[in-house]
PDB file of N, CA and C in Angstrom:
ATOM      1  N   UNK A   1       0.826  -1.197   0.000  1.00  0.00           N
ATOM      2  CA  UNK A   1       0.000   0.000   0.000  1.00  0.00           C
ATOM      3  C   UNK A   1       0.867   1.255   0.000  1.00  0.00           C
ATOM      4  N   UNK A   2       1.775   1.334   0.975  1.00  0.00           N
ATOM      5  CA  UNK A   2       2.590   2.537   1.093  1.00  0.00           C
ATOM      6  C   UNK A   2       3.612   2.648  -0.047  1.00  0.00           C
ATOM      7  N   UNK A   3       4.081   1.509  -0.529  1.00  0.00           N
ATOM      8  CA  UNK A   3       4.990   1.527  -1.669  1.00  0.00           C
ATOM      9  C   UNK A   3       4.312   2.069  -2.914  1.00  0.00           C
ATOM     10  N   UNK A   4       3.063   1.672  -3.134  1.00  0.00           N
ATOM     11  CA  UNK A   4       2.323   2.179  -4.291  1.00  0.00           C
ATOM     12  C   UNK A   4       1.982   3.648  -4.108  1.00  0.00           C
ATOM     13  N   UNK A   5       1.690   4.043  -2.884  1.00  0.00           N
ATOM     14  CA  UNK A   5       1.420   5.453  -2.609  1.00  0.00           C
ATOM     15  C   UNK A   5       2.649   6.286  -2.971  1.00  0.00           C
ATOM     16  N   UNK A   6       3.819   5.798  -2.605  1.00  0.00           N
ATOM     17  CA  UNK A   6       5.071   6.489  -2.905  1.00  0.00           C
ATOM     18  C   UNK A   6       5.313   6.561  -4.420  1.00  0.00           C
ATOM     19  N   UNK A   7       5.101   5.460  -5.103  1.00  0.00           N
ATOM     20  CA  UNK A   7       5.378   5.386  -6.533  1.00  0.00           C
ATOM     21  C   UNK A   7       4.411   6.204  -7.389  1.00  0.00           C
ATOM     22  N   UNK A   8       3.152   6.333  -6.952  1.00  0.00           N
ATOM     23  CA  UNK A   8       2.138   6.982  -7.781  1.00  0.00           C
ATOM     24  C   UNK A   8       1.697   8.354  -7.281  1.00  0.00           C
ATOM     25  N   UNK A   9       1.990   8.665  -6.020  1.00  0.00           N
ATOM     26  CA  UNK A   9       1.554   9.919  -5.392  1.00  0.00           C
ATOM     27  C   UNK A   9       0.028  10.041  -5.345  1.00  0.00           C
ATOM     28  N   UNK A  10      -0.666   8.912  -5.309  1.00  0.00           N
ATOM     29  CA  UNK A  10      -2.128   8.940  -5.196  1.00  0.00           C
ATOM     30  C   UNK A  10      -2.538   9.109  -3.734  1.00  0.00           C
ATOM     31  N   UNK A  11      -3.680   9.722  -3.537  1.00  0.00           N
ATOM     32  CA  UNK A  11      -4.223   9.904  -2.183  1.00  0.00           C
ATOM     33  C   UNK A  11      -4.596   8.562  -1.565  1.00  0.00           C
ATOM     34  N   UNK A  12      -4.588   8.532  -0.244  1.00  0.00           N
ATOM     35  CA  UNK A  12      -4.949   7.325   0.498  1.00  0.00           C
ATOM     36  C   UNK A  12      -6.340   6.848   0.101  1.00  0.00           C
ATOM     37  N   UNK A  13      -7.302   7.757   0.076  1.00  0.00           N
ATOM     38  CA  UNK A  13      -8.676   7.397  -0.261  1.00  0.00           C
ATOM     39  C   UNK A  13      -8.808   6.821  -1.658  1.00  0.00           C
ATOM     40  N   UNK A  14      -8.031   7.354  -2.587  1.00  0.00           N
ATOM     41  CA  UNK A  14      -8.064   6.837  -3.958  1.00  0.00           C
ATOM     42  C   UNK A  14      -7.532   5.408  -3.990  1.00  0.00           C
ATOM     43  N   UNK A  15      -6.418   5.168  -3.320  1.00  0.00           N
ATOM     44  CA  UNK A  15      -5.856   3.815  -3.286  1.00  0.00           C
ATOM     45  C   UNK A  15      -6.823   2.831  -2.635  1.00  0.00           C
ATOM     46  N   UNK A  16      -7.544   3.279  -1.626  1.00  0.00           N
ATOM     47  CA  UNK A  16      -8.487   2.403  -0.934  1.00  0.00           C
ATOM     48  C   UNK A  16      -9.690   2.040  -1.796  1.00  0.00           C
ATOM     49  N   UNK A  17      -9.982   2.846  -2.819  1.00  0.00           N
ATOM     50  CA  UNK A  17     -11.149   2.583  -3.680  1.00  0.00           C
ATOM     51  C   UNK A  17     -10.791   1.908  -5.000  1.00  0.00           C
ATOM     52  N   UNK A  18      -9.524   1.646  -5.233  1.00  0.00           N
ATOM     53  CA  UNK A  18      -9.130   0.986  -6.479  1.00  0.00           C
ATOM     54  C   UNK A  18      -9.631  -0.451  -6.505  1.00  0.00           C
ATOM     55  N   UNK A  19     -10.105  -0.871  -7.672  1.00  0.00           N
ATOM     56  CA  UNK A  19     -10.662  -2.213  -7.835  1.00  0.00           C
ATOM     57  C   UNK A  19     -10.024  -2.908  -9.030  1.00  0.00           C
ATOM     58  N   UNK A  20      -9.989  -4.214  -8.935  1.00  0.00           N
ATOM     59  CA  UNK A  20      -9.579  -5.023 -10.073  1.00  0.00           C
ATOM     60  C   UNK A  20     -10.805  -5.798 -10.544  1.00  0.00           C
ATOM     61  N   UNK A  21     -11.118  -5.908 -11.751  1.00  0.00           N
ATOM     62  CA  UNK A  21     -10.394  -5.503 -12.950  1.00  0.00           C
ATOM     63  C   UNK A  21     -10.730  -4.101 -13.455  1.00  0.00           C
ATOM     64  N   UNK A  22     -11.567  -3.344 -12.780  1.00  0.00           N
ATOM     65  CA  UNK A  22     -11.974  -2.031 -13.290  1.00  0.00           C
ATOM     66  C   UNK A  22     -10.814  -1.048 -13.420  1.00  0.00           C
ATOM     67  N   UNK A  23      -9.945  -0.981 -12.402  1.00  0.00           N
ATOM     68  CA  UNK A  23      -8.849  -0.014 -12.414  1.00  0.00           C
ATOM     69  C   UNK A  23      -7.521  -0.628 -12.850  1.00  0.00           C
ATOM     70  N   UNK A  24      -7.329  -1.902 -12.563  1.00  0.00           N
ATOM     71  CA  UNK A  24      -6.050  -2.534 -12.895  1.00  0.00           C
ATOM     72  C   UNK A  24      -6.224  -4.026 -13.108  1.00  0.00           C
ATOM     73  N   UNK A  25      -5.540  -4.521 -14.116  1.00  0.00           N
ATOM     74  CA  UNK A  25      -5.457  -5.964 -14.373  1.00  0.00           C
ATOM     75  C   UNK A  25      -3.981  -6.332 -14.312  1.00  0.00           C
ATOM     76  N   UNK A  26      -3.639  -7.448 -13.658  1.00  0.00           N
ATOM     77  CA  UNK A  26      -2.230  -7.838 -13.585  1.00  0.00           C
ATOM     78  C   UNK A  26      -1.580  -7.837 -14.972  1.00  0.00           C
ATOM     79  N   UNK A  27      -0.408  -7.202 -15.038  1.00  0.00           N
ATOM     80  CA  UNK A  27       0.320  -7.106 -16.300  1.00  0.00           C
ATOM     81  C   UNK A  27       0.109  -5.801 -17.041  1.00  0.00           C
ATOM     82  N   UNK A  28      -0.923  -5.017 -16.674  1.00  0.00           N
ATOM     83  CA  UNK A  28      -1.164  -3.736 -17.353  1.00  0.00           C
ATOM     84  C   UNK A  28      -0.007  -2.773 -17.099  1.00  0.00           C
ATOM     85  N   UNK A  29       0.188  -1.862 -18.046  1.00  0.00           N
ATOM     86  CA  UNK A  29       1.247  -0.864 -17.903  1.00  0.00           C
ATOM     87  C   UNK A  29       0.715   0.455 -17.334  1.00  0.00           C
ATOM     88  N   UNK A  30      -0.592   0.551 -17.139  1.00  0.00           N
ATOM     89  CA  UNK A  30      -1.196   1.782 -16.628  1.00  0.00           C
ATOM     90  C   UNK A  30      -2.325   1.451 -15.660  1.00  0.00           C
ATOM     91  N   UNK A  31      -2.592   2.385 -14.788  1.00  0.00           N
ATOM     92  CA  UNK A  31      -3.685   2.275 -13.829  1.00  0.00           C
ATOM     93  C   UNK A  31      -4.813   3.166 -14.330  1.00  0.00           C
ATOM     94  N   UNK A  32      -6.011   2.628 -14.456  1.00  0.00           N
ATOM     95  CA  UNK A  32      -7.174   3.400 -14.887  1.00  0.00           C
ATOM     96  C   UNK A  32      -7.903   3.883 -13.631  1.00  0.00           C
ATOM     97  N   UNK A  33      -7.678   5.113 -13.232  1.00  0.00           N
ATOM     98  CA  UNK A  33      -8.352   5.643 -12.046  1.00  0.00           C
ATOM     99  C   UNK A  33      -9.735   6.115 -12.470  1.00  0.00           C
ATOM    100  N   UNK A  34     -10.761   5.454 -11.952  1.00  0.00           N
ATOM    101  CA  UNK A  34     -12.145   5.818 -12.287  1.00  0.00           C
ATOM    102  C   UNK A  34     -12.522   7.125 -11.588  1.00  0.00           C
ATOM    103  N   UNK A  35     -13.470   7.867 -12.174  1.00  0.00           N
ATOM    104  CA  UNK A  35     -13.978   9.084 -11.537  1.00  0.00           C
ATOM    105  C   UNK A  35     -14.449   8.779 -10.120  1.00  0.00           C
ATOM    106  N   UNK A  36     -15.140   7.681  -9.972  1.00  0.00           N
ATOM    107  CA  UNK A  36     -15.723   7.308  -8.682  1.00  0.00           C
ATOM    108  C   UNK A  36     -14.645   7.008  -7.621  1.00  0.00           C
ATOM    109  N   UNK A  37     -13.473   6.584  -8.040  1.00  0.00           N
ATOM    110  CA  UNK A  37     -12.409   6.234  -7.110  1.00  0.00           C
ATOM    111  C   UNK A  37     -11.624   7.452  -6.623  1.00  0.00           C
ATOM    112  N   UNK A  38     -11.683   8.547  -7.363  1.00  0.00           N
ATOM    113  CA  UNK A  38     -10.876   9.717  -7.041  1.00  0.00           C
ATOM    114  C   UNK A  38     -11.676  10.738  -6.238  1.00  0.00           C
ATOM    115  N   UNK A  39     -11.018  11.363  -5.255  1.00  0.00           N
ATOM    116  CA  UNK A  39     -11.680  12.352  -4.402  1.00  0.00           C
ATOM    117  C   UNK A  39     -12.252  13.512  -5.221  1.00  0.00           C
ATOM    118  N   UNK A  40     -11.479  13.990  -6.181  1.00  0.00           N
ATOM    119  CA  UNK A  40     -11.926  15.125  -6.989  1.00  0.00           C
ATOM    120  C   UNK A  40     -12.713  14.691  -8.220  1.00  0.00           C
ATOM    121  N   UNK A  41     -13.022  13.379  -8.316  1.00  0.00           N
ATOM    122  CA  UNK A  41     -13.784  12.810  -9.429  1.00  0.00           C
ATOM    123  C   UNK A  41     -13.102  13.054 -10.767  1.00  0.00           C
ATOM    124  N   UNK A  42     -11.758  12.966 -10.735  1.00  0.00           N
ATOM    125  CA  UNK A  42     -10.950  13.187 -11.919  1.00  0.00           C
ATOM    126  C   UNK A  42     -10.355  11.858 -12.373  1.00  0.00           C
ATOM    127  N   UNK A  43     -11.114  11.132 -13.185  1.00  0.00           N
ATOM    128  CA  UNK A  43     -10.637   9.856 -13.710  1.00  0.00           C
ATOM    129  C   UNK A  43      -9.534  10.078 -14.720  1.00  0.00           C
ATOM    130  N   UNK A  44      -8.576   9.165 -14.724  1.00  0.00           N
ATOM    131  CA  UNK A  44      -7.447   9.331 -15.626  1.00  0.00           C
ATOM    132  C   UNK A  44      -6.679   8.021 -15.776  1.00  0.00           C
ATOM    133  N   UNK A  45      -5.843   7.976 -16.789  1.00  0.00           N
ATOM    134  CA  UNK A  45      -4.941   6.849 -16.970  1.00  0.00           C
ATOM    135  C   UNK A  45      -3.584   7.265 -16.414  1.00  0.00           C
ATOM    136  N   UNK A  46      -3.065   6.452 -15.520  1.00  0.00           N
ATOM    137  CA  UNK A  46      -1.805   6.770 -14.863  1.00  0.00           C
ATOM    138  C   UNK A  46      -0.754   5.732 -15.262  1.00  0.00           C
ATOM    139  N   UNK A  47       0.249   6.134 -16.049  1.00  0.00           N
ATOM    140  CA  UNK A  47       1.304   5.183 -16.416  1.00  0.00           C
ATOM    141  C   UNK A  47       2.035   4.712 -15.162  1.00  0.00           C
ATOM    142  N   UNK A  48       2.413   3.443 -15.133  1.00  0.00           N
ATOM    143  CA  UNK A  48       3.042   2.875 -13.946  1.00  0.00           C
ATOM    144  C   UNK A  48       4.498   2.529 -14.188  1.00  0.00           C
ATOM    145  N   UNK A  49       5.335   2.803 -13.187  1.00  0.00           N
ATOM    146  CA  UNK A  49       6.721   2.359 -13.219  1.00  0.00           C
ATOM    147  C   UNK A  49       6.741   0.862 -12.914  1.00  0.00           C
ATOM    148  N   UNK A  50       7.868   0.247 -13.187  1.00  0.00           N
ATOM    149  CA  UNK A  50       8.024  -1.195 -12.948  1.00  0.00           C
ATOM    150  C   UNK A  50       7.764  -1.557 -11.483  1.00  0.00           C
ATOM    151  N   UNK A  51       8.248  -0.732 -10.552  1.00  0.00           N
ATOM    152  CA  UNK A  51       8.060  -1.017  -9.118  1.00  0.00           C
ATOM    153  C   UNK A  51       6.580  -1.002  -8.739  1.00  0.00           C
ATOM    154  N   UNK A  52       5.843  -0.034  -9.265  1.00  0.00           N
ATOM    155  CA  UNK A  52       4.407   0.056  -8.971  1.00  0.00           C
ATOM    156  C   UNK A  52       3.661  -1.138  -9.555  1.00  0.00           C
ATOM    157  N   UNK A  53       4.038  -1.541 -10.756  1.00  0.00           N
ATOM    158  CA  UNK A  53       3.396  -2.705 -11.377  1.00  0.00           C
ATOM    159  C   UNK A  53       3.669  -3.974 -10.582  1.00  0.00           C
ATOM    160  N   UNK A  54       4.882  -4.111 -10.074  1.00  0.00           N
ATOM    161  CA  UNK A  54       5.229  -5.294  -9.275  1.00  0.00           C
ATOM    162  C   UNK A  54       4.387  -5.364  -8.012  1.00  0.00           C
ATOM    163  N   UNK A  55       4.168  -4.217  -7.359  1.00  0.00           N
ATOM    164  CA  UNK A  55       3.338  -4.170  -6.148  1.00  0.00           C
ATOM    165  C   UNK A  55       1.909  -4.569  -6.480  1.00  0.00           C
ATOM    166  N   UNK A  56       1.343  -3.962  -7.516  1.00  0.00           N
ATOM    167  CA  UNK A  56      -0.039  -4.260  -7.895  1.00  0.00           C
ATOM    168  C   UNK A  56      -0.216  -5.710  -8.336  1.00  0.00           C
ATOM    169  N   UNK A  57       0.734  -6.221  -9.110  1.00  0.00           N
ATOM    170  CA  UNK A  57       0.638  -7.620  -9.562  1.00  0.00           C
ATOM    171  C   UNK A  57       0.646  -8.577  -8.377  1.00  0.00           C
ATOM    172  N   UNK A  58       1.506  -8.314  -7.407  1.00  0.00           N
ATOM    173  CA  UNK A  58       1.589  -9.192  -6.232  1.00  0.00           C
ATOM    174  C   UNK A  58       0.288  -9.184  -5.443  1.00  0.00           C
ATOM    175  N   UNK A  59      -0.277  -7.998  -5.237  1.00  0.00           N
ATOM    176  CA  UNK A  59      -1.512  -7.887  -4.447  1.00  0.00           C
ATOM    177  C   UNK A  59      -2.704  -8.454  -5.215  1.00  0.00           C
ATOM    178  N   UNK A  60      -2.815  -8.133  -6.494  1.00  0.00           N
ATOM    179  CA  UNK A  60      -3.962  -8.592  -7.284  1.00  0.00           C
ATOM    180  C   UNK A  60      -3.966 -10.110  -7.450  1.00  0.00           C
ATOM    181  N   UNK A  61      -2.803 -10.710  -7.582  1.00  0.00           N
ATOM    182  CA  UNK A  61      -2.744 -12.162  -7.732  1.00  0.00           C
ATOM    183  C   UNK A  61      -3.177 -12.879  -6.455  1.00  0.00           C
ATOM    184  N   UNK A  62      -3.001 -12.244  -5.306  1.00  0.00           N
ATOM    185  CA  UNK A  62      -3.410 -12.848  -4.032  1.00  0.00           C
ATOM    186  C   UNK A  62      -4.904 -12.675  -3.776  1.00  0.00           C
ATOM    187  N   UNK A  63      -5.431 -11.519  -4.123  1.00  0.00           N
ATOM    188  CA  UNK A  63      -6.805 -11.179  -3.750  1.00  0.00           C
ATOM    189  C   UNK A  63      -7.856 -11.502  -4.790  1.00  0.00           C
ATOM    190  N   UNK A  64      -7.507 -11.551  -6.041  1.00  0.00           N
ATOM    191  CA  UNK A  64      -8.509 -11.782  -7.074  1.00  0.00           C
ATOM    192  C   UNK A  64      -9.273 -10.513  -7.393  1.00  0.00           C
ATOM    193  N   UNK A  65     -10.558 -10.641  -7.727  1.00  0.00           N
ATOM    194  CA  UNK A  65     -11.361  -9.477  -8.116  1.00  0.00           C
ATOM    195  C   UNK A  65     -11.900  -8.741  -6.896  1.00  0.00           C
ATOM    196  N   UNK A  66     -12.167  -7.443  -7.084  1.00  0.00           N
ATOM    197  CA  UNK A  66     -12.714  -6.616  -6.011  1.00  0.00           C
ATOM    198  C   UNK A  66     -11.734  -5.526  -5.618  1.00  0.00           C
ATOM    199  N   UNK A  67     -11.859  -5.037  -4.381  1.00  0.00           N
ATOM    200  CA  UNK A  67     -10.962  -3.993  -3.903  1.00  0.00           C
ATOM    201  C   UNK A  67      -9.530  -4.506  -3.893  1.00  0.00           C
ATOM    202  N   UNK A  68      -8.618  -3.674  -4.360  1.00  0.00           N
ATOM    203  CA  UNK A  68      -7.217  -4.074  -4.386  1.00  0.00           C
ATOM    204  C   UNK A  68      -6.632  -4.012  -2.983  1.00  0.00           C
ATOM    205  N   UNK A  69      -6.872  -2.914  -2.273  1.00  0.00           N
ATOM    206  CA  UNK A  69      -6.322  -2.756  -0.926  1.00  0.00           C
ATOM    207  C   UNK A  69      -7.390  -2.689   0.155  1.00  0.00           C
ATOM    208  N   UNK A  70      -8.484  -1.993  -0.099  1.00  0.00           N
ATOM    209  CA  UNK A  70      -9.475  -1.798   0.954  1.00  0.00           C
ATOM    210  C   UNK A  70      -9.004  -0.752   1.951  1.00  0.00           C
ATOM    211  N   UNK A  71      -9.535  -0.817   3.162  1.00  0.00           N
ATOM    212  CA  UNK A  71      -9.231   0.194   4.179  1.00  0.00           C
ATOM    213  C   UNK A  71      -7.835   0.005   4.762  1.00  0.00           C
ATOM    214  N   UNK A  72      -7.104   1.107   4.895  1.00  0.00           N
ATOM    215  CA  UNK A  72      -5.806   1.143   5.559  1.00  0.00           C
ATOM    216  C   UNK A  72      -5.774   2.378   6.430  1.00  0.00           C
ATOM    217  N   UNK A  73      -5.151   2.275   7.565  1.00  0.00           N
ATOM    218  CA  UNK A  73      -5.005   3.451   8.412  1.00  0.00           C
ATOM    219  C   UNK A  73      -3.648   4.082   8.156  1.00  0.00           C
ATOM    220  N   UNK A  74      -3.607   5.387   8.140  1.00  0.00           N
ATOM    221  CA  UNK A  74      -2.349   6.097   7.971  1.00  0.00           C
ATOM    222  C   UNK A  74      -1.986   6.838   9.249  1.00  0.00           C
ATOM    223  N   UNK A  75      -2.714   6.537  10.324  1.00  0.00           N
ATOM    224  CA  UNK A  75      -2.443   7.197  11.595  1.00  0.00           C
ATOM    225  C   UNK A  75      -1.096   6.726  12.146  1.00  0.00           C
ATOM    226  N   UNK A  76      -0.384   7.644  12.754  1.00  0.00           N
ATOM    227  CA  UNK A  76       0.895   7.329  13.366  1.00  0.00           C
ATOM    228  C   UNK A  76       0.639   6.961  14.823  1.00  0.00           C
ATOM    229  N   UNK A  77       1.114   5.796  15.224  1.00  0.00           N
ATOM    230  CA  UNK A  77       0.945   5.359  16.600  1.00  0.00           C
ATOM    231  C   UNK A  77       1.947   6.097  17.467  1.00  0.00           C
ATOM    232  N   UNK A  78       1.461   6.702  18.526  1.00  0.00           N
ATOM    233  CA  UNK A  78       2.319   7.481  19.412  1.00  0.00           C
ATOM    234  C   UNK A  78       2.470   6.775  20.752  1.00  0.00           C
ATOM    235  N   UNK A  79       3.181   5.696  20.751  1.00  0.00           N
ATOM    236  CA  UNK A  79       3.377   4.952  21.986  1.00  0.00           C
ATOM    237  C   UNK A  79       4.565   5.523  22.746  1.00  0.00           C
ATOM    238  N   UNK A  80       4.503   5.416  24.067  1.00  0.00           N
ATOM    239  CA  UNK A  80       5.598   5.883  24.898  1.00  0.00           C
ATOM    240  C   UNK A  80       5.614   7.375  25.132  1.00  0.00           C
ATOM    241  N   UNK A  81       4.633   8.084  24.670  1.00  0.00           N
ATOM    242  CA  UNK A  81       4.587   9.524  24.862  1.00  0.00           C
ATOM    243  C   UNK A  81       4.176   9.842  26.287  1.00  0.00           C
ATOM    244  N   UNK A  82       4.842  10.815  26.886  1.00  0.00           N
ATOM    245  CA  UNK A  82       4.507  11.193  28.264  1.00  0.00           C
ATOM    246  C   UNK A  82       3.114  11.785  28.324  1.00  0.00           C
ATOM    247  N   UNK A  83       2.378  11.366  29.306  1.00  0.00           N
ATOM    248  CA  UNK A  83       0.998  11.830  29.445  1.00  0.00           C
ATOM    249  C   UNK A  83       0.858  12.982  30.449  1.00  0.00           C
ATOM    250  N   UNK A  84       1.786  13.100  31.392  1.00  0.00           N
ATOM    251  CA  UNK A  84       1.609  14.137  32.411  1.00  0.00           C
ATOM    252  C   UNK A  84       2.868  14.976  32.522  1.00  0.00           C
ATOM    253  N   UNK A  85       2.663  16.251  32.732  1.00  0.00           N
ATOM    254  CA  UNK A  85       3.773  17.165  32.938  1.00  0.00           C
ATOM    255  C   UNK A  85       4.442  17.569  31.645  1.00  0.00           C
ATOM    256  N   UNK A  86       5.265  18.613  31.745  1.00  0.00           N
ATOM    257  CA  UNK A  86       5.956  19.097  30.553  1.00  0.00           C
ATOM    258  C   UNK A  86       7.046  18.130  30.106  1.00  0.00           C
ATOM    259  N   UNK A  87       7.379  18.224  28.842  1.00  0.00           N
ATOM    260  CA  UNK A  87       8.451  17.406  28.285  1.00  0.00           C
ATOM    261  C   UNK A  87       9.754  18.132  28.566  1.00  0.00           C
ATOM    262  N   UNK A  88      10.743  17.451  29.175  1.00  0.00           N
ATOM    263  CA  UNK A  88      12.019  18.094  29.488  1.00  0.00           C
ATOM    264  C   UNK A  88      12.670  18.657  28.225  1.00  0.00           C
ATOM    265  N   UNK A  89      13.158  19.893  28.329  1.00  0.00           N
ATOM    266  CA  UNK A  89      13.847  20.505  27.196  1.00  0.00           C
ATOM    267  C   UNK A  89      12.939  21.156  26.181  1.00  0.00           C
ATOM    268  N   UNK A  90      11.648  21.061  26.365  1.00  0.00           N
ATOM    269  CA  UNK A  90      10.708  21.654  25.408  1.00  0.00           C
ATOM    270  C   UNK A  90      10.247  23.015  25.909  1.00  0.00           C
ATOM    271  N   UNK A  91      10.316  23.995  25.052  1.00  0.00           N
ATOM    272  CA  UNK A  91       9.888  25.347  25.419  1.00  0.00           C
ATOM    273  C   UNK A  91       8.390  25.455  25.185  1.00  0.00           C
ATOM    274  N   UNK A  92       7.677  25.909  26.181  1.00  0.00           N
ATOM    275  CA  UNK A  92       6.226  26.099  26.051  1.00  0.00           C
ATOM    276  C   UNK A  92       5.921  27.559  25.808  1.00  0.00           C
ATOM    277  N   UNK A  93       5.030  27.833  24.890  1.00  0.00           N
ATOM    278  CA  UNK A  93       4.646  29.218  24.586  1.00  0.00           C
ATOM    279  C   UNK A  93       3.313  29.520  25.170  1.00  0.00           C
TER     280      UNK A  93
END
């Protein structure tokens, strides 16, 4: 998921709505982003680099038809963060 995001610069929501075979078929050289899949409803053909194609081929071959990725969280887990008192060395305004 994150590798394809890096390679294509597509939004998280767009990647979550991509479907096979509508948007991509294993072996294709381009990704067909449907209007419905894009936040701004801007459907387009997106040429893919070899790395992006390898990611999509691997995922599509495992999952078959339907959503390619589905829901993914992009939230950063903040474990170990101090809950009480000021952080040493941090200036408060």
